[in-house]
Amino acid sequence: MRAMRMAGGVIAAILVLAALWGGLYAWPRSQGYYSIADLIRDWSDKSYTRSFDRSGLRADLVAAGFRMGDAVFIRIFKQENRLELWLSHDGAYRLFRSYPICRFSGKLGPKLAEGDHQAPEGFYQIARSQ
């Protein structure tokens, strides 16, 4: 009887450890995270997301000679941690705004594999329908 209780306790401990391993190690990796800490950090960042009031942006666009829907060119400098937003209303692009990049994943260099937390480098075109 005592041996059965001990065996039941060992089985329960193995099940608990398997659940912890699956929840703390395997599942985050299957979602593209390196650890449960990365997953929690990502979720906590999303909790600070706020809605965006476009009325101020529209006024800034009009003041700069642009309007909503104008062609956009985004230029990102990884090493300088800068994002530039260029707009075109008449065929020529002009710098509208420059933003600091406060956080990014990975390190300087190209994206080599899915899940490596690197930002892709290169030129991309996005159609209005996308």
N, C-alpha and C. Protein backbone atom coordinates (compact mmCIF):
# COMPACT_ATOMS: atom_id res chain seq x y z
N MET A 1 0.83 -1.19 0.00
CA MET A 1 0.00 0.00 0.00
C MET A 1 0.87 1.25 0.00
N ARG A 2 1.88 1.24 0.88
CA ARG A 2 2.77 2.39 0.95
C ARG A 2 3.52 2.58 -0.37
N ALA A 3 3.92 1.49 -1.00
CA ALA A 3 4.62 1.56 -2.28
C ALA A 3 3.73 2.18 -3.35
N MET A 4 2.43 1.88 -3.31
CA MET A 4 1.50 2.44 -4.30
C MET A 4 1.35 3.95 -4.10
N ARG A 5 1.28 4.38 -2.81
CA ARG A 5 1.18 5.82 -2.54
C ARG A 5 2.43 6.54 -3.02
N MET A 6 3.58 5.92 -2.77
CA MET A 6 4.83 6.54 -3.19
C MET A 6 4.89 6.62 -4.72
N ALA A 7 4.47 5.55 -5.38
CA ALA A 7 4.45 5.55 -6.85
C ALA A 7 3.48 6.61 -7.37
N GLY A 8 2.34 6.75 -6.70
CA GLY A 8 1.38 7.79 -7.10
C GLY A 8 1.96 9.18 -6.93
N GLY A 9 2.72 9.39 -5.84
CA GLY A 9 3.36 10.68 -5.60
C GLY A 9 4.42 10.98 -6.65
N VAL A 10 5.18 9.96 -7.03
CA VAL A 10 6.21 10.14 -8.06
C VAL A 10 5.56 10.47 -9.40
N ILE A 11 4.49 9.78 -9.72
CA ILE A 11 3.77 10.05 -10.98
C ILE A 11 3.21 11.47 -10.97
N ALA A 12 2.64 11.89 -9.84
CA ALA A 12 2.10 13.25 -9.73
C ALA A 12 3.21 14.28 -9.90
N ALA A 13 4.37 14.02 -9.30
CA ALA A 13 5.51 14.95 -9.43
C ALA A 13 5.97 15.03 -10.87
N ILE A 14 6.02 13.90 -11.54
CA ILE A 14 6.42 13.89 -12.96
C ILE A 14 5.43 14.68 -13.80
N LEU A 15 4.14 14.51 -13.53
CA LEU A 15 3.12 15.26 -14.28
C LEU A 15 3.24 16.76 -14.04
N VAL A 16 3.50 17.15 -12.79
CA VAL A 16 3.67 18.57 -12.48
C VAL A 16 4.89 19.13 -13.21
N LEU A 17 6.00 18.40 -13.17
CA LEU A 17 7.21 18.85 -13.86
C LEU A 17 6.99 18.93 -15.37
N ALA A 18 6.27 17.96 -15.93
CA ALA A 18 5.98 17.99 -17.37
C ALA A 18 5.12 19.20 -17.72
N ALA A 19 4.14 19.51 -16.87
CA ALA A 19 3.28 20.68 -17.12
C ALA A 19 4.10 21.96 -17.02
N LEU A 20 4.97 22.04 -16.03
CA LEU A 20 5.83 23.23 -15.90
C LEU A 20 6.76 23.37 -17.10
N TRP A 21 7.35 22.26 -17.54
CA TRP A 21 8.24 22.31 -18.70
C TRP A 21 7.48 22.77 -19.93
N GLY A 22 6.29 22.23 -20.13
CA GLY A 22 5.49 22.62 -21.29
C GLY A 22 5.07 24.07 -21.23
N GLY A 23 4.68 24.53 -20.05
CA GLY A 23 4.21 25.91 -19.93
C GLY A 23 5.31 26.94 -19.89
N LEU A 24 6.44 26.59 -19.30
CA LEU A 24 7.52 27.57 -19.12
C LEU A 24 8.59 27.50 -20.20
N TYR A 25 8.70 26.39 -20.90
CA TYR A 25 9.77 26.26 -21.88
C TYR A 25 9.24 25.98 -23.29
N ALA A 26 8.51 24.90 -23.45
CA ALA A 26 8.12 24.47 -24.80
C ALA A 26 7.09 25.40 -25.43
N TRP A 27 6.05 25.77 -24.70
CA TRP A 27 5.00 26.60 -25.31
C TRP A 27 5.51 27.97 -25.74
N PRO A 28 6.28 28.71 -24.89
CA PRO A 28 6.79 30.01 -25.38
C PRO A 28 7.63 29.87 -26.64
N ARG A 29 8.45 28.83 -26.72
CA ARG A 29 9.28 28.64 -27.92
C ARG A 29 8.42 28.34 -29.14
N SER A 30 7.33 27.64 -28.94
CA SER A 30 6.45 27.35 -30.08
C SER A 30 5.76 28.61 -30.58
N GLN A 31 5.71 29.66 -29.75
CA GLN A 31 5.09 30.93 -30.13
C GLN A 31 6.13 31.94 -30.63
N GLY A 32 7.40 31.53 -30.73
CA GLY A 32 8.45 32.41 -31.23
C GLY A 32 9.20 33.18 -30.17
N TYR A 33 9.03 32.82 -28.90
CA TYR A 33 9.73 33.50 -27.81
C TYR A 33 10.86 32.60 -27.31
N TYR A 34 11.91 33.23 -26.78
CA TYR A 34 13.02 32.46 -26.23
C TYR A 34 12.74 31.94 -24.83
N SER A 35 11.89 32.64 -24.09
CA SER A 35 11.61 32.22 -22.71
C SER A 35 10.25 32.76 -22.28
N ILE A 36 9.77 32.30 -21.15
CA ILE A 36 8.52 32.81 -20.60
C ILE A 36 8.66 34.29 -20.26
N ALA A 37 9.88 34.73 -19.90
CA ALA A 37 10.11 36.15 -19.59
C ALA A 37 9.88 37.01 -20.84
N ASP A 38 10.33 36.54 -22.02
CA ASP A 38 10.09 37.28 -23.26
C ASP A 38 8.60 37.37 -23.56
N LEU A 39 7.89 36.27 -23.33
CA LEU A 39 6.44 36.25 -23.56
C LEU A 39 5.74 37.24 -22.65
N ILE A 40 6.08 37.25 -21.37
CA ILE A 40 5.45 38.16 -20.42
C ILE A 40 5.79 39.60 -20.76
N ARG A 41 7.04 39.86 -21.15
CA ARG A 41 7.45 41.21 -21.52
C ARG A 41 6.64 41.70 -22.73
N ASP A 42 6.44 40.83 -23.70
CA ASP A 42 5.65 41.20 -24.88
C ASP A 42 4.21 41.49 -24.50
N TRP A 43 3.62 40.65 -23.66
CA TRP A 43 2.24 40.88 -23.23
C TRP A 43 2.13 42.18 -22.45
N SER A 44 3.11 42.46 -21.58
CA SER A 44 3.03 43.69 -20.78
C SER A 44 3.17 44.91 -21.67
N ASP A 45 3.98 44.84 -22.73
CA ASP A 45 4.09 45.97 -23.66
C ASP A 45 2.75 46.25 -24.33
N LYS A 46 2.01 45.20 -24.67
CA LYS A 46 0.72 45.38 -25.34
C LYS A 46 -0.32 46.01 -24.41
N SER A 47 -0.14 45.86 -23.11
CA SER A 47 -1.12 46.43 -22.18
C SER A 47 -1.04 47.95 -22.15
N TYR A 48 0.05 48.53 -22.66
CA TYR A 48 0.20 49.98 -22.67
C TYR A 48 -0.27 50.60 -23.98
N THR A 49 -0.79 49.79 -24.88
CA THR A 49 -1.27 50.30 -26.16
C THR A 49 -2.46 51.21 -25.92
N ARG A 50 -2.47 52.35 -26.59
CA ARG A 50 -3.59 53.28 -26.43
C ARG A 50 -4.16 53.62 -27.80
N SER A 51 -5.37 54.09 -27.80
CA SER A 51 -5.97 54.47 -29.07
C SER A 51 -5.32 55.76 -29.56
N PHE A 52 -5.35 55.96 -30.87
CA PHE A 52 -4.67 57.09 -31.47
C PHE A 52 -5.69 58.09 -32.00
N ASP A 53 -5.55 59.33 -31.58
CA ASP A 53 -6.43 60.41 -32.05
C ASP A 53 -5.83 60.98 -33.33
N ARG A 54 -6.51 60.81 -34.45
CA ARG A 54 -5.97 61.24 -35.74
C ARG A 54 -6.20 62.71 -36.05
N SER A 55 -6.99 63.42 -35.25
CA SER A 55 -7.28 64.82 -35.57
C SER A 55 -6.00 65.66 -35.50
N GLY A 56 -5.14 65.42 -34.53
CA GLY A 56 -3.87 66.15 -34.44
C GLY A 56 -2.96 65.83 -35.61
N LEU A 57 -2.95 64.56 -36.02
CA LEU A 57 -2.13 64.16 -37.16
C LEU A 57 -2.62 64.84 -38.43
N ARG A 58 -3.93 64.87 -38.63
CA ARG A 58 -4.48 65.53 -39.82
C ARG A 58 -4.05 67.00 -39.88
N ALA A 59 -4.14 67.69 -38.75
CA ALA A 59 -3.74 69.10 -38.69
C ALA A 59 -2.25 69.26 -39.02
N ASP A 60 -1.42 68.37 -38.48
CA ASP A 60 0.02 68.44 -38.77
C ASP A 60 0.31 68.16 -40.24
N LEU A 61 -0.42 67.21 -40.82
CA LEU A 61 -0.25 66.90 -42.24
C LEU A 61 -0.61 68.10 -43.11
N VAL A 62 -1.76 68.71 -42.84
CA VAL A 62 -2.21 69.87 -43.62
C VAL A 62 -1.21 71.01 -43.49
N ALA A 63 -0.71 71.25 -42.28
CA ALA A 63 0.26 72.33 -42.06
C ALA A 63 1.55 72.09 -42.84
N ALA A 64 1.91 70.83 -43.07
CA ALA A 64 3.12 70.50 -43.81
C ALA A 64 2.87 70.33 -45.31
N GLY A 65 1.61 70.51 -45.74
CA GLY A 65 1.29 70.38 -47.16
C GLY A 65 0.95 68.98 -47.61
N PHE A 66 0.55 68.13 -46.68
CA PHE A 66 0.19 66.75 -46.99
C PHE A 66 -1.26 66.50 -46.60
N ARG A 67 -1.74 65.29 -46.86
CA ARG A 67 -3.06 64.88 -46.41
C ARG A 67 -3.04 63.37 -46.15
N MET A 68 -4.04 62.92 -45.41
CA MET A 68 -4.15 61.48 -45.12
C MET A 68 -4.28 60.74 -46.45
N GLY A 69 -3.56 59.63 -46.57
CA GLY A 69 -3.63 58.83 -47.78
C GLY A 69 -2.51 59.11 -48.77
N ASP A 70 -1.67 60.13 -48.52
CA ASP A 70 -0.54 60.39 -49.41
C ASP A 70 0.43 59.22 -49.37
N ALA A 71 1.24 59.10 -50.42
CA ALA A 71 2.24 58.03 -50.49
C ALA A 71 3.25 58.19 -49.36
N VAL A 72 3.67 57.06 -48.82
CA VAL A 72 4.57 57.04 -47.65
C VAL A 72 5.83 56.26 -47.99
N PHE A 73 6.95 56.78 -47.53
CA PHE A 73 8.23 56.08 -47.60
C PHE A 73 8.80 56.09 -46.19
N ILE A 74 9.07 54.92 -45.66
CA ILE A 74 9.60 54.80 -44.30
C ILE A 74 11.05 54.34 -44.40
N ARG A 75 11.91 55.06 -43.74
CA ARG A 75 13.34 54.73 -43.73
C ARG A 75 13.75 54.52 -42.28
N ILE A 76 14.36 53.38 -42.01
CA ILE A 76 14.76 53.03 -40.64
C ILE A 76 16.27 52.84 -40.59
N PHE A 77 16.87 53.47 -39.62
CA PHE A 77 18.30 53.33 -39.38
C PHE A 77 18.47 52.58 -38.06
N LYS A 78 18.86 51.32 -38.16
CA LYS A 78 18.96 50.49 -36.95
C LYS A 78 20.02 51.01 -35.98
N GLN A 79 21.21 51.29 -36.50
CA GLN A 79 22.30 51.69 -35.61
C GLN A 79 22.01 53.01 -34.91
N GLU A 80 21.36 53.93 -35.61
CA GLU A 80 21.04 55.24 -35.03
C GLU A 80 19.74 55.23 -34.24
N ASN A 81 19.00 54.12 -34.29
CA ASN A 81 17.69 54.01 -33.61
C ASN A 81 16.74 55.12 -34.05
N ARG A 82 16.61 55.30 -35.35
CA ARG A 82 15.77 56.36 -35.92
C ARG A 82 14.85 55.79 -36.98
N LEU A 83 13.64 56.32 -37.01
CA LEU A 83 12.67 56.02 -38.07
C LEU A 83 12.30 57.35 -38.72
N GLU A 84 12.42 57.42 -40.04
CA GLU A 84 12.04 58.63 -40.77
C GLU A 84 10.78 58.34 -41.57
N LEU A 85 9.86 59.27 -41.54
CA LEU A 85 8.60 59.16 -42.27
C LEU A 85 8.58 60.22 -43.36
N TRP A 86 8.69 59.77 -44.60
CA TRP A 86 8.70 60.65 -45.76
C TRP A 86 7.35 60.52 -46.45
N LEU A 87 6.79 61.64 -46.91
CA LEU A 87 5.49 61.64 -47.58
C LEU A 87 5.61 62.33 -48.93
N SER A 88 4.73 61.93 -49.85
CA SER A 88 4.70 62.55 -51.18
C SER A 88 3.27 62.88 -51.55
N HIS A 89 3.04 64.14 -51.85
CA HIS A 89 1.73 64.58 -52.32
C HIS A 89 1.76 64.91 -53.81
N ASP A 90 2.94 65.32 -54.29
CA ASP A 90 3.07 65.77 -55.68
C ASP A 90 4.10 64.98 -56.47
N GLY A 91 4.51 63.81 -55.98
CA GLY A 91 5.49 63.00 -56.69
C GLY A 91 6.88 63.05 -56.07
N ALA A 92 7.20 64.12 -55.36
CA ALA A 92 8.50 64.24 -54.69
C ALA A 92 8.31 63.96 -53.20
N TYR A 93 9.16 63.14 -52.65
CA TYR A 93 9.07 62.81 -51.22
C TYR A 93 9.79 63.87 -50.40
N ARG A 94 9.15 64.24 -49.28
CA ARG A 94 9.74 65.18 -48.32
C ARG A 94 9.62 64.57 -46.93
N LEU A 95 10.63 64.84 -46.11
CA LEU A 95 10.63 64.32 -44.74
C LEU A 95 9.52 64.99 -43.95
N PHE A 96 8.63 64.17 -43.40
CA PHE A 96 7.53 64.68 -42.58
C PHE A 96 7.92 64.67 -41.10
N ARG A 97 8.39 63.53 -40.62
CA ARG A 97 8.77 63.40 -39.21
C ARG A 97 9.89 62.38 -39.05
N SER A 98 10.59 62.52 -37.95
CA SER A 98 11.61 61.56 -37.56
C SER A 98 11.32 61.14 -36.12
N TYR A 99 11.36 59.85 -35.87
CA TYR A 99 11.02 59.32 -34.55
C TYR A 99 12.18 58.50 -33.99
N PRO A 100 12.41 58.58 -32.68
CA PRO A 100 13.41 57.69 -32.07
C PRO A 100 12.81 56.29 -31.93
N ILE A 101 13.62 55.29 -32.12
CA ILE A 101 13.19 53.91 -31.87
C ILE A 101 13.68 53.58 -30.46
N CYS A 102 12.74 53.36 -29.55
CA CYS A 102 13.13 53.19 -28.15
C CYS A 102 13.43 51.74 -27.79
N ARG A 103 12.98 50.80 -28.62
CA ARG A 103 13.20 49.40 -28.26
C ARG A 103 13.13 48.55 -29.52
N PHE A 104 14.02 47.57 -29.62
CA PHE A 104 13.95 46.62 -30.71
C PHE A 104 14.52 45.30 -30.23
N SER A 105 14.22 44.25 -30.94
CA SER A 105 14.73 42.94 -30.54
C SER A 105 15.94 42.59 -31.40
N GLY A 106 16.66 41.61 -30.97
CA GLY A 106 17.82 41.16 -31.73
C GLY A 106 18.98 42.12 -31.62
N LYS A 107 19.84 42.09 -32.63
CA LYS A 107 21.01 42.96 -32.66
C LYS A 107 21.19 43.46 -34.08
N LEU A 108 22.16 44.32 -34.30
CA LEU A 108 22.40 44.83 -35.65
C LEU A 108 22.76 43.67 -36.56
N GLY A 109 22.26 43.72 -37.78
CA GLY A 109 22.54 42.67 -38.76
C GLY A 109 21.25 42.18 -39.38
N PRO A 110 21.37 41.41 -40.45
CA PRO A 110 20.19 40.97 -41.20
C PRO A 110 19.44 39.83 -40.52
N LYS A 111 18.20 39.67 -40.94
CA LYS A 111 17.39 38.53 -40.48
C LYS A 111 17.87 37.31 -41.26
N LEU A 112 18.20 36.25 -40.54
CA LEU A 112 18.73 35.05 -41.18
C LEU A 112 17.76 33.88 -41.16
N ALA A 113 16.89 33.83 -40.14
CA ALA A 113 15.98 32.70 -40.02
C ALA A 113 14.73 33.14 -39.28
N GLU A 114 13.62 32.46 -39.54
CA GLU A 114 12.39 32.75 -38.82
C GLU A 114 12.61 32.49 -37.33
N GLY A 115 12.16 33.44 -36.51
CA GLY A 115 12.29 33.28 -35.07
C GLY A 115 13.60 33.77 -34.49
N ASP A 116 14.48 34.39 -35.33
CA ASP A 116 15.76 34.86 -34.80
C ASP A 116 15.67 36.25 -34.17
N HIS A 117 14.46 36.81 -34.11
CA HIS A 117 14.20 38.11 -33.48
C HIS A 117 14.92 39.26 -34.17
N GLN A 118 15.34 39.07 -35.42
CA GLN A 118 15.98 40.14 -36.18
C GLN A 118 14.94 40.81 -37.07
N ALA A 119 15.13 42.09 -37.32
CA ALA A 119 14.25 42.81 -38.23
C ALA A 119 14.74 42.59 -39.66
N PRO A 120 13.83 42.32 -40.59
CA PRO A 120 14.25 42.15 -41.98
C PRO A 120 14.83 43.45 -42.53
N GLU A 121 15.80 43.33 -43.42
CA GLU A 121 16.39 44.49 -44.07
C GLU A 121 16.08 44.42 -45.55
N GLY A 122 15.99 45.56 -46.18
CA GLY A 122 15.76 45.60 -47.62
C GLY A 122 14.69 46.60 -47.98
N PHE A 123 14.21 46.50 -49.20
CA PHE A 123 13.19 47.40 -49.72
C PHE A 123 11.91 46.60 -49.93
N TYR A 124 10.81 47.14 -49.46
CA TYR A 124 9.52 46.47 -49.54
C TYR A 124 8.48 47.45 -50.06
N GLN A 125 7.62 46.99 -50.93
CA GLN A 125 6.52 47.81 -51.40
C GLN A 125 5.23 47.23 -50.86
N ILE A 126 4.38 48.12 -50.39
CA ILE A 126 3.10 47.71 -49.83
C ILE A 126 2.02 48.43 -50.62
N ALA A 127 1.12 47.66 -51.21
CA ALA A 127 0.03 48.25 -51.97
C ALA A 127 -1.05 48.76 -51.03
N ARG A 128 -1.81 49.73 -51.47
CA ARG A 128 -2.88 50.31 -50.66
C ARG A 128 -3.88 49.23 -50.23
N SER A 129 -4.06 48.20 -51.04
CA SER A 129 -5.04 47.15 -50.74
C SER A 129 -4.56 46.18 -49.66
N GLN A 130 -3.30 46.23 -49.29
CA GLN A 130 -2.78 45.27 -48.31
C GLN A 130 -3.12 45.67 -46.92
